[in-house]
Structures are given as structure tokens and as C-alpha cells.
Amino acid sequence: MAAFIMLTRLSHQAMQSPKLLESLSHQIAEHIRRECPQVPWKANCIVLGPADYLDIFAAPDNATATKVATTFGHATTEIWAATELEQSIQLIRELPPSFVVSP
């Protein structure tokens, strides 16, 4: 499965109270478990900066990752496909030698 990183910025309505935020987080997690049971969650972090949350999850394809992102009706999301470091290193090792163009 492919790894994905999702940045989420909540709307002002969702941020009105800590209790509302806790309830919203629980509802979203339950919805994703129900609608996308094949998506394992790796990490969920509150972050400082332009986003409110950073999530890391795995999905079988881009369509499933998009489905996860559209679950957040009270938010703006941004998703990045990610490759784990060890897998990236292996891919680099398997690359053919660089092609050099002569002047």
C-alpha cells in the first residue's frame, strides 16, 4: 500500500470549542473506519503552523486516499503521496546510470 500525508486545516466553526473538536475528531475517525476499512492510520498529530493536523495513513490507491480527504467536510485538506526512506533508497539503487548528453 502507498503512504500518504494529509494536512488538514479546520474551519472556524469546527474550532469553536475544545469539546466540539474532540467530538468532531471522533466522528471523523469512526466514519473513515466504516467507509474505508482498508486504510490503516499510522499517525495523527496536532501541528503548529498553517495546518491544524498532520495525518499519515496508507491506502491502496489515490482514489481511496481522495475518499479519505473528502471525509473532512469542516476542513480544507491537502494530500501528498509519500515513499518511506528505505524504499526510496532501494529505488535509487535500482536506477540505471545517468544519461549524459554530449555538447
Protein backbone atom coordinates (compact mmCIF):
# COMPACT_ATOMS: atom_id res chain seq x y z
CA MET A 1 0.00 0.00 0.00
CA ALA A 2 1.08 3.53 -0.66
CA ALA A 3 1.76 6.01 2.14
CA PHE A 4 0.01 9.38 2.24
CA ILE A 5 0.48 12.51 4.31
CA MET A 6 -2.56 14.71 4.82
CA LEU A 7 -2.54 18.25 6.15
CA THR A 8 -5.89 19.47 7.48
CA ARG A 9 -7.00 22.97 8.34
CA LEU A 10 -10.29 23.08 10.22
CA SER A 11 -12.94 25.72 9.60
CA HIS A 12 -13.57 28.34 12.28
CA GLN A 13 -16.91 26.62 13.05
CA ALA A 14 -15.13 23.38 13.94
CA MET A 15 -12.71 25.24 16.24
CA GLN A 16 -15.37 26.95 18.40
CA SER A 17 -14.75 24.78 21.44
CA PRO A 18 -12.37 22.00 22.55
CA LYS A 19 -15.31 19.67 23.24
CA LEU A 20 -16.62 20.18 19.70
CA LEU A 21 -13.15 19.49 18.32
CA GLU A 22 -12.88 16.25 20.31
CA SER A 23 -16.31 15.10 19.14
CA LEU A 24 -15.55 16.00 15.52
CA SER A 25 -12.25 14.09 15.61
CA HIS A 26 -14.00 11.01 16.98
CA GLN A 27 -16.79 11.20 14.38
CA ILE A 28 -14.32 11.54 11.51
CA ALA A 29 -12.20 8.60 12.73
CA GLU A 30 -15.32 6.40 13.02
CA HIS A 31 -16.52 7.43 9.56
CA ILE A 32 -13.16 6.60 7.97
CA ARG A 33 -13.02 3.21 9.74
CA ARG A 34 -16.50 2.42 8.46
CA GLU A 35 -16.16 3.78 4.89
CA CYS A 36 -12.51 2.88 4.27
CA PRO A 37 -11.72 -0.19 6.41
CA GLN A 38 -8.66 -0.96 4.26
CA VAL A 39 -6.97 2.31 5.34
CA PRO A 40 -4.63 1.84 8.31
CA TRP A 41 -3.85 5.05 10.21
CA LYS A 42 -0.16 5.50 11.07
CA ALA A 43 -0.15 8.84 12.92
CA ASN A 44 -2.40 11.75 13.84
CA CYS A 45 -0.74 14.93 15.13
CA ILE A 46 -1.86 18.43 16.00
CA VAL A 47 0.68 20.80 14.48
CA LEU A 48 1.63 24.45 14.81
CA GLY A 49 1.58 26.37 11.57
CA PRO A 50 -0.85 26.87 8.68
CA ALA A 51 -2.41 23.41 9.21
CA ASP A 52 -4.13 22.10 12.33
CA TYR A 53 -3.49 18.38 11.82
CA LEU A 54 -0.94 16.18 10.11
CA ASP A 55 -2.08 12.61 9.43
CA ILE A 56 -0.14 9.72 7.98
CA PHE A 57 -2.04 6.76 6.57
CA ALA A 58 -1.74 4.01 3.98
CA ALA A 59 -4.17 3.43 1.13
CA PRO A 60 -4.29 1.01 -1.79
CA ASP A 61 -4.58 3.82 -4.37
CA ASN A 62 -5.08 7.55 -4.98
CA ALA A 63 -8.86 7.15 -5.25
CA THR A 64 -9.06 5.74 -1.72
CA ALA A 65 -6.79 8.50 -0.38
CA THR A 66 -9.06 11.06 -2.03
CA LYS A 67 -12.08 9.44 -0.39
CA VAL A 68 -10.37 9.84 2.99
CA ALA A 69 -9.63 13.52 2.30
CA THR A 70 -13.21 14.30 1.28
CA THR A 71 -14.49 12.99 4.62
CA PHE A 72 -13.46 16.27 6.26
CA GLY A 73 -16.49 18.44 5.50
CA HIS A 74 -15.46 21.13 8.03
CA ALA A 75 -11.92 21.42 6.75
CA THR A 76 -9.53 22.05 3.90
CA THR A 77 -7.22 19.14 3.20
CA GLU A 78 -4.03 18.66 1.24
CA ILE A 79 -2.67 15.19 0.48
CA TRP A 80 0.85 14.20 -0.52
CA ALA A 81 1.91 10.77 -1.70
CA ALA A 82 4.95 9.65 0.28
CA THR A 83 7.64 6.99 -0.08
CA GLU A 84 9.36 5.65 3.01
CA LEU A 85 13.08 6.35 3.17
CA GLU A 86 14.26 2.73 2.87
CA GLN A 87 12.04 2.16 -0.17
CA SER A 88 13.34 5.40 -1.75
CA ILE A 89 16.94 4.32 -1.23
CA GLN A 90 16.21 0.94 -2.86
CA LEU A 91 14.57 2.66 -5.84
CA ILE A 92 17.61 4.92 -6.26
CA ARG A 93 19.96 1.92 -6.16
CA GLU A 94 17.98 0.29 -8.97
CA LEU A 95 18.15 3.32 -11.28
CA PRO A 96 20.25 2.93 -14.43
CA PRO A 97 23.34 5.12 -14.81
CA SER A 98 22.58 8.72 -15.71
CA PHE A 99 22.32 9.56 -19.36
CA VAL A 100 24.71 12.37 -20.23
CA VAL A 101 24.22 14.43 -23.37
CA SER A 102 27.42 15.46 -25.11
CA PRO A 103 27.65 19.06 -26.33
